[in-house]
């Protein structure tokens, strides 16, 4: 084989290798300089102490948006619970943008998944509370996070992997009212207690704002939650199972109001030891109201997420 033939073969081999690299990278640009460097992105769920809880399975879905440097949506994917839990890598390769912004929301309710289909720009990402009769509905166990990354061009090999961390955005609350049925009887409601008969009696809790914008911009209008639980017929105690709310407004305590008819007969913002009724993101606010005597007492204890405090009841 002469020198010219060897040169031709070497050139052809080099061209073939280069073409295969381009094909493997997915780049179809005529000039490699126009090819963005691909990389893999994973989603990681963390708690308020920055502990990695991805494998715990708390996140049941993730909607991941990709925006360019002008805030225009260029991609959206949905990850399942198993894909999040297994840390499935997402291949990222977008042509043109100078930078990418990723916005992820986890545990998105089905109606919000449908609503977010219309997102075209980053400011369109909103997570408003739904309302019933003017009261805020409990949000899901929402997580969210953001990652900004500059694009690299002209490099075909995989770049450094990236991780987008998502954090809880809601607070948990657990309420028990001892002697609630007897208290209602004393204050004029002689009918058998019906927790859905709000015209006779209702318990209101608030206030929070009713929206998150983009990732963690807290916004919207003040809202109150109407609490519904279950009555223990043997004791007259009322138990409201753990629920979630958006955080307080400007660090102000929530107010727990007890209505009979249209009159608020009792209202609390702190317990008997002056502990404020202040829900905290990523934690459980446990509230015990004891109405069994004329001297109503209130206890408040904050515990980690999903940990219900066991009050000592005498």
Protein backbone atom coordinates (compact mmCIF):
# COMPACT_ATOMS: atom_id res chain seq x y z
CA UNK A 1 0.00 0.00 0.00
CA UNK A 2 1.55 3.31 -1.06
CA UNK A 3 1.71 6.50 0.99
CA UNK A 4 -1.20 8.12 -0.85
CA UNK A 5 -3.44 5.11 -0.26
CA UNK A 6 -2.51 4.99 3.43
CA UNK A 7 -3.30 8.69 3.72
CA UNK A 8 -6.69 8.20 2.06
CA UNK A 9 -7.53 5.30 4.37
CA UNK A 10 -6.46 7.23 7.46
CA UNK A 11 -8.49 10.25 6.39
CA UNK A 12 -11.56 8.10 5.73
CA UNK A 13 -11.21 6.39 9.11
CA UNK A 14 -10.90 9.72 10.90
CA UNK A 15 -13.95 11.07 9.08
CA UNK A 16 -15.92 7.93 9.96
CA UNK A 17 -15.00 8.21 13.65
CA UNK A 18 -15.94 11.89 13.66
CA UNK A 19 -19.26 11.15 11.98
CA UNK A 20 -20.01 8.39 14.49
CA UNK A 21 -19.27 10.74 17.41
CA UNK A 22 -21.63 13.28 15.89
CA UNK A 23 -24.32 10.65 15.41
CA UNK A 24 -23.90 9.37 18.97
CA UNK A 25 -24.12 12.87 20.35
CA UNK A 26 -27.26 13.54 18.35
CA UNK A 27 -25.79 16.64 16.72
CA UNK A 28 -26.79 17.15 13.06
CA UNK A 29 -25.24 20.57 12.54
CA UNK A 30 -22.94 21.00 9.54
CA UNK A 31 -20.39 22.74 11.76
CA UNK A 32 -19.42 20.97 14.99
CA UNK A 33 -18.95 24.41 16.57
CA UNK A 34 -22.75 24.72 16.43
CA UNK A 35 -23.24 21.52 18.42
CA UNK A 36 -24.14 21.94 22.11
CA UNK A 37 -22.30 19.75 24.55
CA UNK A 38 -24.76 17.15 25.84
CA UNK A 39 -25.02 16.27 29.51
CA UNK A 40 -27.23 14.31 31.88
CA UNK A 41 -29.49 15.83 34.50
CA UNK A 42 -30.97 14.13 37.56
CA UNK A 43 -33.59 15.26 40.07
CA UNK A 44 -32.81 15.08 43.78
CA UNK A 45 -35.36 15.61 46.57
CA UNK A 46 -34.01 17.10 49.80
CA UNK A 47 -35.64 17.96 53.12
CA UNK A 48 -35.29 21.16 55.14
CA UNK A 49 -32.00 19.94 56.64
CA UNK A 50 -30.65 19.30 53.11
CA UNK A 51 -30.81 15.54 53.63
CA UNK A 52 -31.22 13.59 50.40
CA UNK A 53 -34.64 11.90 50.58
CA UNK A 54 -34.96 10.94 46.90
CA UNK A 55 -34.98 7.21 47.60
CA UNK A 56 -37.71 7.60 50.26
CA UNK A 57 -40.31 7.82 47.53
CA UNK A 58 -41.98 10.99 48.84
CA UNK A 59 -42.02 12.48 45.32
CA UNK A 60 -44.64 10.78 43.14
CA UNK A 61 -44.07 12.80 39.96
CA UNK A 62 -41.97 15.64 38.62
CA UNK A 63 -42.70 18.11 35.84
CA UNK A 64 -39.42 19.44 34.48
CA UNK A 65 -39.46 22.55 32.28
CA UNK A 66 -36.50 23.81 30.26
CA UNK A 67 -36.31 27.50 29.31
CA UNK A 68 -33.79 29.47 27.24
CA UNK A 69 -32.02 32.63 28.38
CA UNK A 70 -35.07 34.68 27.35
CA UNK A 71 -37.44 32.63 29.47
CA UNK A 72 -39.01 30.82 26.52
CA UNK A 73 -40.02 27.21 27.06
CA UNK A 74 -38.08 24.78 24.90
CA UNK A 75 -38.95 21.47 26.56
CA UNK A 76 -41.14 19.76 29.18
CA UNK A 77 -40.97 16.21 30.48
CA UNK A 78 -42.76 14.31 33.24
CA UNK A 79 -40.97 11.84 35.49
CA UNK A 80 -42.81 9.07 37.30
CA UNK A 81 -42.34 8.16 40.95
CA UNK A 82 -40.08 5.25 40.02
CA UNK A 83 -37.98 7.38 37.66
CA UNK A 84 -37.44 9.96 40.40
CA UNK A 85 -36.73 7.36 43.07
CA UNK A 86 -34.21 5.54 40.82
CA UNK A 87 -32.56 8.87 39.87
CA UNK A 88 -33.11 8.29 36.16
CA UNK A 89 -30.71 10.54 34.20
CA UNK A 90 -32.28 12.89 31.65
CA UNK A 91 -30.31 13.47 28.45
CA UNK A 92 -30.04 17.21 27.75
CA UNK A 93 -29.04 18.53 24.33
CA UNK A 94 -30.63 21.76 23.11
CA UNK A 95 -29.41 23.70 20.08
CA UNK A 96 -29.18 27.48 20.06
CA UNK A 97 -29.65 28.81 23.62
CA UNK A 98 -26.70 30.43 25.34
CA UNK A 99 -27.98 29.20 28.70
CA UNK A 100 -30.65 26.91 30.07
CA UNK A 101 -32.92 27.29 33.08
CA UNK A 102 -34.57 24.18 34.50
CA UNK A 103 -37.66 24.51 36.71
CA UNK A 104 -38.99 21.38 38.42
CA UNK A 105 -42.18 20.82 40.41
CA UNK A 106 -42.87 17.59 42.27
CA UNK A 107 -46.13 15.99 43.46
CA UNK A 108 -48.20 18.02 41.04
CA UNK A 109 -51.94 17.28 41.20
CA UNK A 110 -53.55 15.92 37.98
CA UNK A 111 -55.53 19.11 37.38
CA UNK A 112 -52.34 21.16 37.65
CA UNK A 113 -50.48 18.82 35.29
CA UNK A 114 -53.17 19.60 32.71
CA UNK A 115 -53.08 23.33 33.43
CA UNK A 116 -49.29 23.51 33.11
CA UNK A 117 -49.50 22.15 29.55
CA UNK A 118 -50.11 25.75 28.47
CA UNK A 119 -46.85 27.09 29.93
CA UNK A 120 -44.88 28.94 27.24
CA UNK A 121 -42.67 31.20 29.34
CA UNK A 122 -41.00 30.83 32.73
CA UNK A 123 -43.35 33.34 34.34
CA UNK A 124 -46.29 31.14 33.32
CA UNK A 125 -45.26 28.55 35.92
CA UNK A 126 -47.75 29.18 38.72
CA UNK A 127 -49.04 26.91 41.49
CA UNK A 128 -52.25 28.56 42.77
CA UNK A 129 -54.41 26.93 45.40
CA UNK A 130 -57.79 25.75 44.25
CA UNK A 131 -60.76 27.13 46.20
CA UNK A 132 -64.07 25.72 47.37
CA UNK A 133 -66.74 28.19 48.54
CA UNK A 134 -63.97 30.78 48.74
CA UNK A 135 -61.75 28.69 51.02
CA UNK A 136 -58.35 27.36 50.00
CA UNK A 137 -58.06 23.65 49.29
CA UNK A 138 -55.19 21.79 50.88
CA UNK A 139 -52.18 21.63 48.52
CA UNK A 140 -50.37 18.42 47.71
CA UNK A 141 -46.92 17.74 49.19
CA UNK A 142 -45.30 20.11 46.71
CA UNK A 143 -41.58 20.22 45.94
CA UNK A 144 -39.83 22.63 43.58
CA UNK A 145 -36.37 23.70 42.47
CA UNK A 146 -34.40 25.57 39.84
CA UNK A 147 -31.07 25.12 38.07
CA UNK A 148 -29.31 27.53 35.71
CA UNK A 149 -26.58 26.29 33.39
CA UNK A 150 -24.48 27.87 30.65
CA UNK A 151 -24.38 26.04 27.34
CA UNK A 152 -21.06 24.82 25.91
CA UNK A 153 -20.65 24.41 22.13
CA UNK A 154 -18.22 22.56 19.91
CA UNK A 155 -17.68 19.68 22.33
CA UNK A 156 -19.34 16.37 21.50
CA UNK A 157 -18.45 14.26 24.53
CA UNK A 158 -20.82 14.25 27.51
CA UNK A 159 -20.29 17.18 29.83
CA UNK A 160 -20.31 17.19 33.59
CA UNK A 161 -23.60 15.78 34.93
CA UNK A 162 -25.96 18.17 36.69
CA UNK A 163 -28.43 17.83 39.54
CA UNK A 164 -31.52 19.90 40.23
CA UNK A 165 -32.50 19.89 43.90
CA UNK A 166 -36.19 20.17 44.77
CA UNK A 167 -37.41 21.28 48.20
CA UNK A 168 -40.71 21.10 50.07
CA UNK A 169 -42.91 24.19 49.78
CA UNK A 170 -45.74 23.39 52.22
CA UNK A 171 -46.34 23.04 55.95
CA UNK A 172 -48.13 20.19 57.75
CA UNK A 173 -50.76 20.75 60.42
CA UNK A 174 -52.51 18.33 62.77
CA UNK A 175 -55.43 19.47 64.97
CA UNK A 176 -57.29 17.70 67.78
CA UNK A 177 -60.19 19.32 69.65
CA UNK A 178 -61.13 17.61 72.92
CA UNK A 179 -64.78 17.90 73.95
CA UNK A 180 -65.82 19.67 70.76
CA UNK A 181 -69.28 18.07 70.56
CA UNK A 182 -70.09 19.04 74.16
CA UNK A 183 -68.84 22.57 73.54
CA UNK A 184 -71.17 22.88 70.56
CA UNK A 185 -74.12 21.67 72.64
CA UNK A 186 -73.39 24.26 75.32
CA UNK A 187 -73.24 27.05 72.75
CA UNK A 188 -76.62 26.47 71.21
CA UNK A 189 -76.24 23.80 68.51
CA UNK A 190 -78.52 21.00 69.73
CA UNK A 191 -78.54 19.03 66.47
CA UNK A 192 -76.39 15.92 66.04
CA UNK A 193 -72.98 17.11 64.90
CA UNK A 194 -72.39 16.99 61.14
CA UNK A 195 -68.85 18.07 60.12
CA UNK A 196 -70.12 19.09 56.66
CA UNK A 197 -72.94 21.30 57.98
CA UNK A 198 -70.92 24.47 57.83
CA UNK A 199 -73.97 26.68 58.42
CA UNK A 200 -74.23 25.25 61.94
CA UNK A 201 -70.54 25.13 62.91
CA UNK A 202 -67.16 25.40 61.26
CA UNK A 203 -63.48 25.70 62.12
CA UNK A 204 -61.40 28.11 60.05
CA UNK A 205 -57.60 28.28 59.88
CA UNK A 206 -55.48 30.97 58.20
CA UNK A 207 -54.09 32.90 56.61
CA UNK A 208 -51.61 32.12 53.89
CA UNK A 209 -51.12 33.45 50.38
CA UNK A 210 -52.54 31.26 47.65
CA UNK A 211 -49.83 30.98 45.00
CA UNK A 212 -46.22 30.15 44.19
CA UNK A 213 -44.67 31.68 41.07
CA UNK A 214 -41.93 29.98 39.02
CA UNK A 215 -40.20 28.14 41.88
CA UNK A 216 -40.38 29.77 45.30
CA UNK A 217 -41.78 33.27 44.78
CA UNK A 218 -44.61 33.40 47.29
CA UNK A 219 -47.48 35.51 45.99
CA UNK A 220 -51.22 35.78 45.45
CA UNK A 221 -54.11 36.65 47.73
CA UNK A 222 -54.67 35.82 51.41
CA UNK A 223 -56.66 32.64 51.92
CA UNK A 224 -58.25 30.75 54.80
CA UNK A 225 -58.74 26.99 55.07
CA UNK A 226 -61.93 25.36 56.33
CA UNK A 227 -61.09 22.30 58.41
CA UNK A 228 -63.04 19.05 58.29
CA UNK A 229 -62.32 16.02 60.42
CA UNK A 230 -63.96 13.08 62.16
CA UNK A 231 -65.84 12.95 65.45
CA UNK A 232 -65.20 10.32 68.11
CA UNK A 233 -68.75 9.52 69.15
CA UNK A 234 -67.67 8.04 72.48
CA UNK A 235 -65.77 11.11 73.69
CA UNK A 236 -67.03 14.02 71.59
CA UNK A 237 -63.45 14.73 70.49
CA UNK A 238 -62.84 16.04 66.97
CA UNK A 239 -59.79 14.86 65.05
CA UNK A 240 -58.52 16.66 61.96
CA UNK A 241 -55.99 14.42 60.24
CA UNK A 242 -52.69 15.95 59.08
CA UNK A 243 -53.15 18.35 56.18
CA UNK A 244 -50.96 20.80 54.32
CA UNK A 245 -51.07 24.58 53.93
CA UNK A 246 -48.98 27.22 52.22
CA UNK A 247 -46.70 29.08 54.67
CA UNK A 248 -47.69 32.09 56.81
CA UNK A 249 -47.70 35.60 55.39
CA UNK A 250 -44.60 37.56 56.44
CA UNK A 251 -44.06 35.26 59.41
CA UNK A 252 -47.39 36.15 61.02
CA UNK A 253 -49.10 33.38 63.01
CA UNK A 254 -52.16 31.59 61.72
CA UNK A 255 -55.49 32.07 63.47
CA UNK A 256 -57.76 29.17 64.45
CA UNK A 257 -61.40 30.30 64.65
CA UNK A 258 -64.40 28.36 66.00
CA UNK A 259 -67.75 29.40 64.57
CA UNK A 260 -71.25 28.51 65.65
CA UNK A 261 -73.61 29.77 63.00
CA UNK A 262 -72.14 33.02 61.73
CA UNK A 263 -70.51 33.97 65.04
CA UNK A 264 -66.85 33.37 65.92
CA UNK A 265 -66.97 32.27 69.56
CA UNK A 266 -63.31 31.35 70.08
CA UNK A 267 -60.14 32.41 68.31
CA UNK A 268 -56.52 31.39 68.93
CA UNK A 269 -53.14 32.48 67.57
CA UNK A 270 -50.94 31.01 70.33
CA UNK A 271 -51.05 28.34 73.00
CA UNK A 272 -51.22 28.60 76.78
CA UNK A 273 -47.42 29.00 76.93
CA UNK A 274 -47.41 31.76 74.28
CA UNK A 275 -46.08 29.47 71.53
CA UNK A 276 -47.30 31.00 68.26
CA UNK A 277 -49.54 29.07 65.88
CA UNK A 278 -46.94 29.29 63.15
CA UNK A 279 -46.76 26.54 60.49
CA UNK A 280 -43.24 25.91 59.19
CA UNK A 281 -42.26 24.65 55.76
CA UNK A 282 -41.20 21.02 55.95
CA UNK A 283 -42.43 20.50 59.52
CA UNK A 284 -45.60 19.39 61.33
CA UNK A 285 -47.52 21.84 63.53
CA UNK A 286 -49.46 19.84 66.16
CA UNK A 287 -52.33 21.65 67.88
CA UNK A 288 -54.40 20.37 70.81
CA UNK A 289 -57.47 22.36 71.90
CA UNK A 290 -59.04 21.18 75.16
CA UNK A 291 -62.66 22.40 75.42
CA UNK A 292 -63.76 19.93 78.10
CA UNK A 293 -63.95 22.60 80.79
CA UNK A 294 -64.90 26.26 80.91
CA UNK A 295 -61.20 27.15 80.85
CA UNK A 296 -60.10 26.26 77.32
CA UNK A 297 -56.41 25.30 77.00
CA UNK A 298 -54.22 25.14 73.91
CA UNK A 299 -51.00 23.21 73.33
CA UNK A 300 -48.69 23.54 70.32
CA UNK A 301 -45.75 21.28 69.46
CA UNK A 302 -43.68 21.36 66.25
CA UNK A 303 -42.33 18.01 65.01
CA UNK A 304 -40.53 16.76 61.89
CA UNK A 305 -42.50 16.09 58.72
CA UNK A 306 -45.04 13.26 59.04
CA UNK A 307 -44.39 12.90 62.78
CA UNK A 308 -47.61 13.34 64.77
CA UNK A 309 -47.00 14.41 68.37
CA UNK A 310 -48.71 12.25 70.98
CA UNK A 311 -50.10 14.68 73.54
CA UNK A 312 -50.53 13.47 77.10
CA UNK A 313 -54.26 13.74 77.81
CA UNK A 314 -55.58 13.64 81.37
